[in-house]
PDB file of N, CA and C in Angstrom:
ATOM      1  N   GLN A   1      89.800 118.965 111.692  1.00  0.00           N
ATOM      2  CA  GLN A   1      89.787 118.303 110.979  1.00  0.00           C
ATOM      3  C   GLN A   1      89.773 116.823 111.656  1.00  0.00           C
ATOM      4  N   VAL A   2      88.499 116.089 110.088  1.00  0.00           N
ATOM      5  CA  VAL A   2      88.371 114.441 110.862  1.00  0.00           C
ATOM      6  C   VAL A   2      89.648 114.120 109.781  1.00  0.00           C
ATOM      7  N   GLN A   3      90.751 113.397 110.416  1.00  0.00           N
ATOM      8  CA  GLN A   3      91.425 112.256 109.673  1.00  0.00           C
ATOM      9  C   GLN A   3      92.531 111.289 110.455  1.00  0.00           C
ATOM     10  N   LEU A   4      93.008 110.552 110.155  1.00  0.00           N
ATOM     11  CA  LEU A   4      93.535 109.671 110.256  1.00  0.00           C
ATOM     12  C   LEU A   4      94.814 109.965 109.911  1.00  0.00           C
ATOM     13  N   VAL A   5      96.454 110.114 110.402  1.00  0.00           N
ATOM     14  CA  VAL A   5      97.386 110.448 109.632  1.00  0.00           C
ATOM     15  C   VAL A   5      98.543 108.993 109.688  1.00  0.00           C
ATOM     16  N   GLU A   6      99.431 108.282 109.460  1.00  0.00           N
ATOM     17  CA  GLU A   6     100.114 107.349 109.465  1.00  0.00           C
ATOM     18  C   GLU A   6     101.267 108.071 109.714  1.00  0.00           C
ATOM     19  N   SER A   7     102.564 107.608 110.195  1.00  0.00           N
ATOM     20  CA  SER A   7     103.752 107.955 110.441  1.00  0.00           C
ATOM     21  C   SER A   7     104.736 106.828 110.549  1.00  0.00           C
ATOM     22  N   GLY A   8     105.786 107.303 110.211  1.00  0.00           N
ATOM     23  CA  GLY A   8     106.687 105.349 110.275  1.00  0.00           C
ATOM     24  C   GLY A   8     107.384 104.928 109.394  1.00  0.00           C
ATOM     25  N   GLY A   9     106.985 104.559 108.896  1.00  0.00           N
ATOM     26  CA  GLY A   9     107.267 103.381 107.384  1.00  0.00           C
ATOM     27  C   GLY A   9     108.586 103.991 106.693  1.00  0.00           C
ATOM     28  N   GLY A  10     108.958 103.110 106.384  1.00  0.00           N
ATOM     29  CA  GLY A  10     110.754 103.366 105.759  1.00  0.00           C
ATOM     30  C   GLY A  10     111.563 102.032 105.198  1.00  0.00           C
ATOM     31  N   LEU A  11     112.212 101.843 105.080  1.00  0.00           N
ATOM     32  CA  LEU A  11     113.221 101.241 104.855  1.00  0.00           C
ATOM     33  C   LEU A  11     113.633 100.309 106.070  1.00  0.00           C
ATOM     34  N   VAL A  12     113.555  98.825 105.609  1.00  0.00           N
ATOM     35  CA  VAL A  12     114.531  98.167 106.621  1.00  0.00           C
ATOM     36  C   VAL A  12     114.709  97.236 106.318  1.00  0.00           C
ATOM     37  N   GLN A  13     116.219  96.176 106.766  1.00  0.00           N
ATOM     38  CA  GLN A  13     116.424  95.008 106.301  1.00  0.00           C
ATOM     39  C   GLN A  13     115.641  93.525 107.013  1.00  0.00           C
ATOM     40  N   PRO A  14     115.707  92.867 106.578  1.00  0.00           N
ATOM     41  CA  PRO A  14     114.937  91.713 106.690  1.00  0.00           C
ATOM     42  C   PRO A  14     116.036  91.282 108.413  1.00  0.00           C
ATOM     43  N   GLY A  15     114.906  90.950 109.671  1.00  0.00           N
ATOM     44  CA  GLY A  15     114.832  90.626 110.245  1.00  0.00           C
ATOM     45  C   GLY A  15     114.798  92.194 111.348  1.00  0.00           C
ATOM     46  N   GLY A  16     114.770  93.179 110.777  1.00  0.00           N
ATOM     47  CA  GLY A  16     114.796  94.673 111.706  1.00  0.00           C
ATOM     48  C   GLY A  16     113.499  94.941 111.690  1.00  0.00           C
ATOM     49  N   SER A  17     112.692  96.049 112.486  1.00  0.00           N
ATOM     50  CA  SER A  17     111.937  95.880 113.177  1.00  0.00           C
ATOM     51  C   SER A  17     111.774  97.813 112.751  1.00  0.00           C
ATOM     52  N   LEU A  18     109.922  97.971 112.617  1.00  0.00           N
ATOM     53  CA  LEU A  18     109.738  99.209 112.349  1.00  0.00           C
ATOM     54  C   LEU A  18     108.237  99.358 113.366  1.00  0.00           C
ATOM     55  N   ARG A  19     107.994 100.837 113.566  1.00  0.00           N
ATOM     56  CA  ARG A  19     106.985 101.128 114.569  1.00  0.00           C
ATOM     57  C   ARG A  19     106.176 102.153 113.943  1.00  0.00           C
ATOM     58  N   LEU A  20     105.183 102.089 113.716  1.00  0.00           N
ATOM     59  CA  LEU A  20     103.992 102.815 112.702  1.00  0.00           C
ATOM     60  C   LEU A  20     102.810 103.809 113.434  1.00  0.00           C
ATOM     61  N   SER A  21     102.568 104.446 113.026  1.00  0.00           N
ATOM     62  CA  SER A  21     101.852 105.358 114.145  1.00  0.00           C
ATOM     63  C   SER A  21     100.505 105.867 113.202  1.00  0.00           C
ATOM     64  N   CYS A  22      99.169 106.226 114.269  1.00  0.00           N
ATOM     65  CA  CYS A  22      98.453 106.953 113.318  1.00  0.00           C
ATOM     66  C   CYS A  22      98.246 107.575 114.352  1.00  0.00           C
ATOM     67  N   ALA A  23      97.729 109.004 113.913  1.00  0.00           N
ATOM     68  CA  ALA A  23      97.295 109.939 114.433  1.00  0.00           C
ATOM     69  C   ALA A  23      95.960 110.199 114.205  1.00  0.00           C
ATOM     70  N   ALA A  24      95.125 110.585 114.879  1.00  0.00           N
ATOM     71  CA  ALA A  24      93.792 110.654 114.621  1.00  0.00           C
ATOM     72  C   ALA A  24      92.960 111.792 114.908  1.00  0.00           C
ATOM     73  N   SER A  25      91.872 112.575 114.020  1.00  0.00           N
ATOM     74  CA  SER A  25      91.298 113.562 114.408  1.00  0.00           C
ATOM     75  C   SER A  25      90.161 113.861 114.243  1.00  0.00           C
ATOM     76  N   GLY A  26      89.838 115.040 114.862  1.00  0.00           N
ATOM     77  CA  GLY A  26      88.303 114.993 114.257  1.00  0.00           C
ATOM     78  C   GLY A  26      87.280 114.062 114.923  1.00  0.00           C
ATOM     79  N   PHE A  27      86.915 113.198 116.055  1.00  0.00           N
ATOM     80  CA  PHE A  27      86.451 112.364 116.493  1.00  0.00           C
ATOM     81  C   PHE A  27      86.626 111.872 117.480  1.00  0.00           C
ATOM     82  N   THR A  28      85.107 110.951 117.694  1.00  0.00           N
ATOM     83  CA  THR A  28      85.927 110.585 119.326  1.00  0.00           C
ATOM     84  C   THR A  28      86.199 109.168 118.601  1.00  0.00           C
ATOM     85  N   PHE A  29      87.337 109.450 119.074  1.00  0.00           N
ATOM     86  CA  PHE A  29      87.991 108.209 118.597  1.00  0.00           C
ATOM     87  C   PHE A  29      87.999 106.791 119.808  1.00  0.00           C
ATOM     88  N   SER A  30      88.128 106.483 120.910  1.00  0.00           N
ATOM     89  CA  SER A  30      87.739 105.677 121.496  1.00  0.00           C
ATOM     90  C   SER A  30      86.230 105.240 121.796  1.00  0.00           C
ATOM     91  N   ARG A  31      86.051 105.772 120.918  1.00  0.00           N
ATOM     92  CA  ARG A  31      84.464 104.494 120.812  1.00  0.00           C
ATOM     93  C   ARG A  31      85.078 103.849 118.946  1.00  0.00           C
ATOM     94  N   TYR A  32      85.917 103.494 118.579  1.00  0.00           N
ATOM     95  CA  TYR A  32      85.863 102.558 117.640  1.00  0.00           C
ATOM     96  C   TYR A  32      87.199 101.534 117.189  1.00  0.00           C
ATOM     97  N   THR A  33      86.289 100.851 117.157  1.00  0.00           N
ATOM     98  CA  THR A  33      87.590  99.666 116.494  1.00  0.00           C
ATOM     99  C   THR A  33      89.105 100.327 115.673  1.00  0.00           C
ATOM    100  N   MET A  34      90.169 100.477 115.742  1.00  0.00           N
ATOM    101  CA  MET A  34      90.956 100.916 114.766  1.00  0.00           C
ATOM    102  C   MET A  34      91.498  99.307 114.014  1.00  0.00           C
ATOM    103  N   ASN A  35      91.945  99.964 112.944  1.00  0.00           N
ATOM    104  CA  ASN A  35      92.365  98.385 111.911  1.00  0.00           C
ATOM    105  C   ASN A  35      93.578  99.128 111.203  1.00  0.00           C
ATOM    106  N   TRP A  36      94.686  97.935 111.208  1.00  0.00           N
ATOM    107  CA  TRP A  36      95.292  98.717 109.937  1.00  0.00           C
ATOM    108  C   TRP A  36      95.497  97.832 108.911  1.00  0.00           C
ATOM    109  N   TYR A  37      95.288  97.880 107.953  1.00  0.00           N
ATOM    110  CA  TYR A  37      95.551  97.043 106.406  1.00  0.00           C
ATOM    111  C   TYR A  37      96.988  97.693 106.049  1.00  0.00           C
ATOM    112  N   ARG A  38      97.475  96.704 104.829  1.00  0.00           N
ATOM    113  CA  ARG A  38      98.363  96.603 104.460  1.00  0.00           C
ATOM    114  C   ARG A  38      98.262  96.260 102.734  1.00  0.00           C
ATOM    115  N   GLN A  39      98.550  96.627 101.670  1.00  0.00           N
ATOM    116  CA  GLN A  39      98.657  96.736 100.269  1.00  0.00           C
ATOM    117  C   GLN A  39      99.580  97.130  99.066  1.00  0.00           C
ATOM    118  N   ALA A  40      99.975  95.281  99.010  1.00  0.00           N
ATOM    119  CA  ALA A  40     101.535  95.466  98.023  1.00  0.00           C
ATOM    120  C   ALA A  40     101.330  95.651  96.325  1.00  0.00           C
ATOM    121  N   PRO A  41     102.012  95.704  95.598  1.00  0.00           N
ATOM    122  CA  PRO A  41     101.837  96.136  94.328  1.00  0.00           C
ATOM    123  C   PRO A  41     101.005  95.236  93.614  1.00  0.00           C
ATOM    124  N   GLY A  42     100.042  95.726  92.925  1.00  0.00           N
ATOM    125  CA  GLY A  42      99.384  94.352  91.941  1.00  0.00           C
ATOM    126  C   GLY A  42      98.324  92.836  93.191  1.00  0.00           C
ATOM    127  N   LYS A  43      98.327  93.866  94.569  1.00  0.00           N
ATOM    128  CA  LYS A  43      97.870  93.061  95.199  1.00  0.00           C
ATOM    129  C   LYS A  43      96.515  93.638  96.057  1.00  0.00           C
ATOM    130  N   GLU A  44      95.026  92.574  96.910  1.00  0.00           N
ATOM    131  CA  GLU A  44      94.560  93.809  97.456  1.00  0.00           C
ATOM    132  C   GLU A  44      94.684  94.057  98.438  1.00  0.00           C
ATOM    133  N   ARG A  45      94.586  94.561  99.071  1.00  0.00           N
ATOM    134  CA  ARG A  45      94.779  95.327 100.636  1.00  0.00           C
ATOM    135  C   ARG A  45      94.062  94.102 101.323  1.00  0.00           C
ATOM    136  N   GLU A  46      94.988  93.788 102.682  1.00  0.00           N
ATOM    137  CA  GLU A  46      94.747  92.697 103.111  1.00  0.00           C
ATOM    138  C   GLU A  46      94.385  93.270 104.514  1.00  0.00           C
ATOM    139  N   LEU A  47      93.856  92.775 105.763  1.00  0.00           N
ATOM    140  CA  LEU A  47      93.378  93.759 106.997  1.00  0.00           C
ATOM    141  C   LEU A  47      94.547  92.885 108.472  1.00  0.00           C
ATOM    142  N   VAL A  48      95.502  93.365 108.271  1.00  0.00           N
ATOM    143  CA  VAL A  48      96.764  92.970 109.143  1.00  0.00           C
ATOM    144  C   VAL A  48      96.962  92.626 111.078  1.00  0.00           C
ATOM    145  N   ALA A  49      95.909  94.245 111.461  1.00  0.00           N
ATOM    146  CA  ALA A  49      95.398  93.691 112.625  1.00  0.00           C
ATOM    147  C   ALA A  49      94.272  94.234 112.811  1.00  0.00           C
ATOM    148  N   THR A  50      93.794  94.009 113.848  1.00  0.00           N
ATOM    149  CA  THR A  50      92.554  94.996 114.352  1.00  0.00           C
ATOM    150  C   THR A  50      93.096  95.145 115.919  1.00  0.00           C
ATOM    151  N   ILE A  51      92.188  96.486 116.590  1.00  0.00           N
ATOM    152  CA  ILE A  51      92.320  96.688 117.852  1.00  0.00           C
ATOM    153  C   ILE A  51      90.381  96.756 118.448  1.00  0.00           C
ATOM    154  N   THR A  52      90.214  96.464 119.865  1.00  0.00           N
ATOM    155  CA  THR A  52      88.780  97.170 120.339  1.00  0.00           C
ATOM    156  C   THR A  52      89.363  98.751 120.920  1.00  0.00           C
ATOM    157  N   SER A  53      87.731  98.966 120.774  1.00  0.00           N
ATOM    158  CA  SER A  53      87.378 100.393 121.403  1.00  0.00           C
ATOM    159  C   SER A  53      88.647 100.432 122.372  1.00  0.00           C
ATOM    160  N   THR A  54      88.581  99.404 122.888  1.00  0.00           N
ATOM    161  CA  THR A  54      89.164  99.662 124.596  1.00  0.00           C
ATOM    162  C   THR A  54      90.649  99.396 124.687  1.00  0.00           C
ATOM    163  N   GLY A  55      90.981  99.214 123.869  1.00  0.00           N
ATOM    164  CA  GLY A  55      92.699  97.811 123.482  1.00  0.00           C
ATOM    165  C   GLY A  55      92.431  96.396 124.682  1.00  0.00           C
ATOM    166  N   GLY A  56      91.135  96.164 124.813  1.00  0.00           N
ATOM    167  CA  GLY A  56      91.213  95.481 125.105  1.00  0.00           C
ATOM    168  C   GLY A  56      91.463  94.008 124.505  1.00  0.00           C
ATOM    169  N   SER A  57      91.469  94.098 123.637  1.00  0.00           N
ATOM    170  CA  SER A  57      90.943  92.840 121.781  1.00  0.00           C
ATOM    171  C   SER A  57      91.653  93.394 121.023  1.00  0.00           C
ATOM    172  N   THR A  58      92.918  92.365 120.209  1.00  0.00           N
ATOM    173  CA  THR A  58      93.795  92.403 119.669  1.00  0.00           C
ATOM    174  C   THR A  58      92.789  90.783 118.560  1.00  0.00           C
ATOM    175  N   ASN A  59      93.008  90.598 117.547  1.00  0.00           N
ATOM    176  CA  ASN A  59      93.554  89.851 116.408  1.00  0.00           C
ATOM    177  C   ASN A  59      93.947  90.476 115.243  1.00  0.00           C
ATOM    178  N   TYR A  60      94.826  89.678 114.485  1.00  0.00           N
ATOM    179  CA  TYR A  60      95.989  89.664 114.056  1.00  0.00           C
ATOM    180  C   TYR A  60      96.274  88.683 112.539  1.00  0.00           C
ATOM    181  N   ALA A  61      96.462  88.929 111.319  1.00  0.00           N
ATOM    182  CA  ALA A  61      96.113  87.899 110.769  1.00  0.00           C
ATOM    183  C   ALA A  61      97.752  86.857 110.860  1.00  0.00           C
ATOM    184  N   ASP A  62      97.417  85.284 110.402  1.00  0.00           N
ATOM    185  CA  ASP A  62      98.049  84.692 109.618  1.00  0.00           C
ATOM    186  C   ASP A  62      99.475  85.372 110.037  1.00  0.00           C
ATOM    187  N   SER A  63     100.013  85.671 108.709  1.00  0.00           N
ATOM    188  CA  SER A  63     101.103  85.893 108.017  1.00  0.00           C
ATOM    189  C   SER A  63     101.799  87.006 108.988  1.00  0.00           C
ATOM    190  N   VAL A  64     101.241  87.893 110.235  1.00  0.00           N
ATOM    191  CA  VAL A  64     101.415  88.462 111.238  1.00  0.00           C
ATOM    192  C   VAL A  64     101.529  87.969 112.612  1.00  0.00           C
ATOM    193  N   LYS A  65     100.979  87.253 112.972  1.00  0.00           N
ATOM    194  CA  LYS A  65     100.903  86.631 114.434  1.00  0.00           C
ATOM    195  C   LYS A  65     102.199  86.582 115.396  1.00  0.00           C
ATOM    196  N   GLY A  66     102.616  87.542 116.275  1.00  0.00           N
ATOM    197  CA  GLY A  66     103.733  86.789 116.576  1.00  0.00           C
ATOM    198  C   GLY A  66     104.920  87.786 116.492  1.00  0.00           C
ATOM    199  N   ARG A  67     105.062  88.406 115.356  1.00  0.00           N
ATOM    200  CA  ARG A  67     105.843  89.374 115.062  1.00  0.00           C
ATOM    201  C   ARG A  67     105.323  90.719 115.259  1.00  0.00           C
ATOM    202  N   PHE A  68     103.759  90.987 114.959  1.00  0.00           N
ATOM    203  CA  PHE A  68     103.340  92.260 115.167  1.00  0.00           C
ATOM    204  C   PHE A  68     102.337  92.913 115.949  1.00  0.00           C
ATOM    205  N   THR A  69     102.523  93.867 116.376  1.00  0.00           N
ATOM    206  CA  THR A  69     101.737  93.980 118.292  1.00  0.00           C
ATOM    207  C   THR A  69     100.749  95.216 118.010  1.00  0.00           C
ATOM    208  N   ILE A  70      99.779  95.421 117.626  1.00  0.00           N
ATOM    209  CA  ILE A  70      98.720  96.830 117.843  1.00  0.00           C
ATOM    210  C   ILE A  70      98.520  97.082 119.163  1.00  0.00           C
ATOM    211  N   SER A  71      98.564  98.553 119.262  1.00  0.00           N
ATOM    212  CA  SER A  71      97.962  98.589 120.529  1.00  0.00           C
ATOM    213  C   SER A  71      97.385 100.502 120.438  1.00  0.00           C
ATOM    214  N   ARG A  72      97.077 100.830 120.968  1.00  0.00           N
ATOM    215  CA  ARG A  72      96.403 102.589 121.265  1.00  0.00           C
ATOM    216  C   ARG A  72      96.531 103.364 122.243  1.00  0.00           C
ATOM    217  N   ASP A  73      96.464 104.470 122.163  1.00  0.00           N
ATOM    218  CA  ASP A  73      96.543 105.454 123.086  1.00  0.00           C
ATOM    219  C   ASP A  73      95.139 105.637 123.161  1.00  0.00           C
ATOM    220  N   ASN A  74      94.713 105.324 123.986  1.00  0.00           N
ATOM    221  CA  ASN A  74      92.722 106.677 123.655  1.00  0.00           C
ATOM    222  C   ASN A  74      93.190 108.616 123.959  1.00  0.00           C
ATOM    223  N   ALA A  75      93.517 108.518 124.975  1.00  0.00           N
ATOM    224  CA  ALA A  75      94.013 109.248 125.321  1.00  0.00           C
ATOM    225  C   ALA A  75      95.236 110.570 124.715  1.00  0.00           C
ATOM    226  N   LYS A  76      96.040 110.066 123.703  1.00  0.00           N
ATOM    227  CA  LYS A  76      96.419 110.275 122.756  1.00  0.00           C
ATOM    228  C   LYS A  76      96.093 110.365 121.516  1.00  0.00           C
ATOM    229  N   TYR A  77      94.685 110.006 121.282  1.00  0.00           N
ATOM    230  CA  TYR A  77      94.411 109.304 120.072  1.00  0.00           C
ATOM    231  C   TYR A  77      95.300 108.627 118.764  1.00  0.00           C
ATOM    232  N   THR A  78      96.419 108.370 119.710  1.00  0.00           N
ATOM    233  CA  THR A  78      96.770 106.355 118.675  1.00  0.00           C
ATOM    234  C   THR A  78      97.030 105.590 117.946  1.00  0.00           C
ATOM    235  N   VAL A  79      96.827 105.174 117.490  1.00  0.00           N
ATOM    236  CA  VAL A  79      97.142 103.792 117.260  1.00  0.00           C
ATOM    237  C   VAL A  79      98.369 103.153 116.680  1.00  0.00           C
ATOM    238  N   THR A  80      99.466 102.385 117.343  1.00  0.00           N
ATOM    239  CA  THR A  80     100.995 101.764 116.874  1.00  0.00           C
ATOM    240  C   THR A  80     100.513  99.906 116.186  1.00  0.00           C
ATOM    241  N   LEU A  81     101.157 100.276 115.335  1.00  0.00           N
ATOM    242  CA  LEU A  81     101.833  98.434 115.118  1.00  0.00           C
ATOM    243  C   LEU A  81     103.613  98.916 115.056  1.00  0.00           C
ATOM    244  N   GLN A  82     103.460  97.995 115.824  1.00  0.00           N
ATOM    245  CA  GLN A  82     105.144  97.683 116.212  1.00  0.00           C
ATOM    246  C   GLN A  82     105.066  96.193 115.312  1.00  0.00           C
ATOM    247  N   MET A  83     106.278  96.599 114.756  1.00  0.00           N
ATOM    248  CA  MET A  83     106.751  94.970 113.484  1.00  0.00           C
ATOM    249  C   MET A  83     108.037  95.108 113.466  1.00  0.00           C
ATOM    250  N   ASN A  84     108.409  93.684 113.800  1.00  0.00           N
ATOM    251  CA  ASN A  84     109.201  92.683 115.011  1.00  0.00           C
ATOM    252  C   ASN A  84     110.071  92.151 113.282  1.00  0.00           C
ATOM    253  N   SER A  85     110.668  91.500 113.568  1.00  0.00           N
ATOM    254  CA  SER A  85     110.707  90.117 112.511  1.00  0.00           C
ATOM    255  C   SER A  85     110.973  90.241 111.268  1.00  0.00           C
ATOM    256  N   LEU A  86     110.876  91.433 110.410  1.00  0.00           N
ATOM    257  CA  LEU A  86     110.734  92.139 108.668  1.00  0.00           C
ATOM    258  C   LEU A  86     110.859  90.991 108.560  1.00  0.00           C
ATOM    259  N   LYS A  87     110.227  91.004 107.616  1.00  0.00           N
ATOM    260  CA  LYS A  87     110.560  89.932 106.397  1.00  0.00           C
ATOM    261  C   LYS A  87     110.058  90.555 104.497  1.00  0.00           C
ATOM    262  N   PRO A  88     110.885  90.200 103.681  1.00  0.00           N
ATOM    263  CA  PRO A  88     110.497  91.308 102.543  1.00  0.00           C
ATOM    264  C   PRO A  88     109.248  91.305 101.805  1.00  0.00           C
ATOM    265  N   GLU A  89     108.042  90.168 102.191  1.00  0.00           N
ATOM    266  CA  GLU A  89     106.838  90.089 101.985  1.00  0.00           C
ATOM    267  C   GLU A  89     105.805  90.954 102.615  1.00  0.00           C
ATOM    268  N   ASP A  90     106.958  91.975 103.928  1.00  0.00           N
ATOM    269  CA  ASP A  90     105.982  92.478 104.237  1.00  0.00           C
ATOM    270  C   ASP A  90     106.003  94.182 103.856  1.00  0.00           C
ATOM    271  N   THR A  91     107.013  93.733 103.099  1.00  0.00           N
ATOM    272  CA  THR A  91     106.601  95.400 102.420  1.00  0.00           C
ATOM    273  C   THR A  91     105.191  95.517 101.747  1.00  0.00           C
ATOM    274  N   ALA A  92     104.414  97.116 101.951  1.00  0.00           N
ATOM    275  CA  ALA A  92     102.870  97.464 101.752  1.00  0.00           C
ATOM    276  C   ALA A  92     103.098  98.539 101.779  1.00  0.00           C
ATOM    277  N   VAL A  93     102.232  99.254 101.438  1.00  0.00           N
ATOM    278  CA  VAL A  93     101.468 100.637 101.676  1.00  0.00           C
ATOM    279  C   VAL A  93     100.835 100.084 103.218  1.00  0.00           C
ATOM    280  N   TYR A  94     101.143 101.159 104.052  1.00  0.00           N
ATOM    281  CA  TYR A  94     100.200  99.926 104.936  1.00  0.00           C
ATOM    282  C   TYR A  94      99.270 101.842 105.561  1.00  0.00           C
ATOM    283  N   TYR A  95      98.062 101.353 105.769  1.00  0.00           N
ATOM    284  CA  TYR A  95      96.961 102.444 106.146  1.00  0.00           C
ATOM    285  C   TYR A  95      96.463 102.072 107.475  1.00  0.00           C
ATOM    286  N   CYS A  96      96.084 102.901 108.715  1.00  0.00           N
ATOM    287  CA  CYS A  96      94.948 102.544 109.247  1.00  0.00           C
ATOM    288  C   CYS A  96      93.730 102.887 109.571  1.00  0.00           C
ATOM    289  N   LYS A  97      92.408 101.891 109.652  1.00  0.00           N
ATOM    290  CA  LYS A  97      90.944 102.809 109.495  1.00  0.00           C
ATOM    291  C   LYS A  97      90.454 102.780 110.342  1.00  0.00           C
ATOM    292  N   ALA A  98      90.032 103.832 110.489  1.00  0.00           N
ATOM    293  CA  ALA A  98      88.621 103.774 111.364  1.00  0.00           C
ATOM    294  C   ALA A  98      86.778 103.479 110.352  1.00  0.00           C
ATOM    295  N   PRO A  99      85.972 103.085 110.851  1.00  0.00           N
ATOM    296  CA  PRO A  99      84.564 102.140 110.459  1.00  0.00           C
ATOM    297  C   PRO A  99      84.015 103.535 110.399  1.00  0.00           C
ATOM    298  N   ILE A 100      83.980 104.464 110.545  1.00  0.00           N
ATOM    299  CA  ILE A 100      83.911 105.681 111.006  1.00  0.00           C
ATOM    300  C   ILE A 100      81.601 106.066 110.355  1.00  0.00           C
ATOM    301  N   VAL A 101      80.426 105.650 111.086  1.00  0.00           N
ATOM    302  CA  VAL A 101      79.353 106.090 109.696  1.00  0.00           C
ATOM    303  C   VAL A 101      79.410 107.234 109.258  1.00  0.00           C
ATOM    304  N   GLY A 102      79.271 107.132 107.736  1.00  0.00           N
ATOM    305  CA  GLY A 102      78.944 109.121 107.160  1.00  0.00           C
ATOM    306  C   GLY A 102      80.384 108.779 106.112  1.00  0.00           C
ATOM    307  N   TYR A 103      81.779 108.499 106.392  1.00  0.00           N
ATOM    308  CA  TYR A 103      82.534 108.251 105.497  1.00  0.00           C
ATOM    309  C   TYR A 103      82.465 106.042 104.619  1.00  0.00           C
ATOM    310  N   ARG A 104      81.828 106.367 103.391  1.00  0.00           N
ATOM    311  CA  ARG A 104      81.827 105.644 103.257  1.00  0.00           C
ATOM    312  C   ARG A 104      83.382 104.746 102.695  1.00  0.00           C
ATOM    313  N   GLY A 105      82.877 103.621 102.874  1.00  0.00           N
ATOM    314  CA  GLY A 105      84.587 102.723 102.948  1.00  0.00           C
ATOM    315  C   GLY A 105      85.170 103.135 104.668  1.00  0.00           C
ATOM    316  N   GLY A 106      84.682 103.390 105.490  1.00  0.00           N
ATOM    317  CA  GLY A 106      85.614 104.453 106.280  1.00  0.00           C
ATOM    318  C   GLY A 106      86.144 104.691 106.501  1.00  0.00           C
ATOM    319  N   LEU A 107      87.358 105.171 107.275  1.00  0.00           N
ATOM    320  CA  LEU A 107      88.053 106.765 107.484  1.00  0.00           C
ATOM    321  C   LEU A 107      89.489 106.561 106.925  1.00  0.00           C
ATOM    322  N   TRP A 108      89.861 106.285 105.854  1.00  0.00           N
ATOM    323  CA  TRP A 108      91.459 105.682 106.031  1.00  0.00           C
ATOM    324  C   TRP A 108      92.699 107.512 105.838  1.00  0.00           C
ATOM    325  N   GLY A 109      93.469 106.650 106.330  1.00  0.00           N
ATOM    326  CA  GLY A 109      95.147 107.459 106.258  1.00  0.00           C
ATOM    327  C   GLY A 109      95.728 107.315 105.110  1.00  0.00           C
ATOM    328  N   GLN A 110      96.263 108.340 105.136  1.00  0.00           N
ATOM    329  CA  GLN A 110      97.126 108.320 103.148  1.00  0.00           C
ATOM    330  C   GLN A 110      98.192 107.323 102.870  1.00  0.00           C
ATOM    331  N   GLY A 111      98.578 106.119 104.115  1.00  0.00           N
ATOM    332  CA  GLY A 111      99.392 104.988 103.804  1.00  0.00           C
ATOM    333  C   GLY A 111     100.901 105.961 104.235  1.00  0.00           C
ATOM    334  N   THR A 112     101.211 105.161 104.526  1.00  0.00           N
ATOM    335  CA  THR A 112     102.833 104.519 104.121  1.00  0.00           C
ATOM    336  C   THR A 112     103.852 103.482 104.157  1.00  0.00           C
ATOM    337  N   GLN A 113     104.409 104.308 103.737  1.00  0.00           N
ATOM    338  CA  GLN A 113     105.059 102.634 103.153  1.00  0.00           C
ATOM    339  C   GLN A 113     106.274 102.286 103.792  1.00  0.00           C
ATOM    340  N   VAL A 114     106.375 100.976 103.701  1.00  0.00           N
ATOM    341  CA  VAL A 114     107.491  99.734 104.807  1.00  0.00           C
ATOM    342  C   VAL A 114     107.769  98.875 103.342  1.00  0.00           C
ATOM    343  N   THR A 115     109.166  98.899 103.446  1.00  0.00           N
ATOM    344  CA  THR A 115     110.317  98.626 102.374  1.00  0.00           C
ATOM    345  C   THR A 115     110.975  97.201 102.975  1.00  0.00           C
ATOM    346  N   VAL A 116     110.826  96.035 103.158  1.00  0.00           N
ATOM    347  CA  VAL A 116     111.807  95.471 104.012  1.00  0.00           C
ATOM    348  C   VAL A 116     112.960  94.507 103.125  1.00  0.00           C
ATOM    349  N   SER A 117     113.876  94.933 103.142  1.00  0.00           N
ATOM    350  CA  SER A 117     115.040  94.688 101.395  1.00  0.00           C
ATOM    351  C   SER A 117     116.249  94.994 102.253  1.00  0.00           C
ATOM    352  N   SER A 118     117.305  93.441 102.021  1.00  0.00           N
ATOM    353  CA  SER A 118     118.353  93.542 102.108  1.00  0.00           C
ATOM    354  C   SER A 118     119.137  94.370 101.171  1.00  0.00           C
TER     355      SER A 118
END
């Protein structure tokens, strides 16, 4: 199956950490830049982090820079998002995405909920 499956979301206190994982299958994972997006209720989805196909370059939204780290393991077909120093405003559904031709708008996972609350 061609798919992305996110996991690792949950409820965490402000200042806490979560590690999100995205497992890819059905395509040549190592060829693609991978992305993490998030969408909070009533908000447009926003790009949180990007990592190039080899993992050689990363980019982050200003709002998460210094707190989040994106990484990948091409042998395991996974991309991760380590989220530290979490804030309530980080609360959102987090999605991973691959810009695969043939999937309109790219290939998206089902999302995983992250809630940051005291």
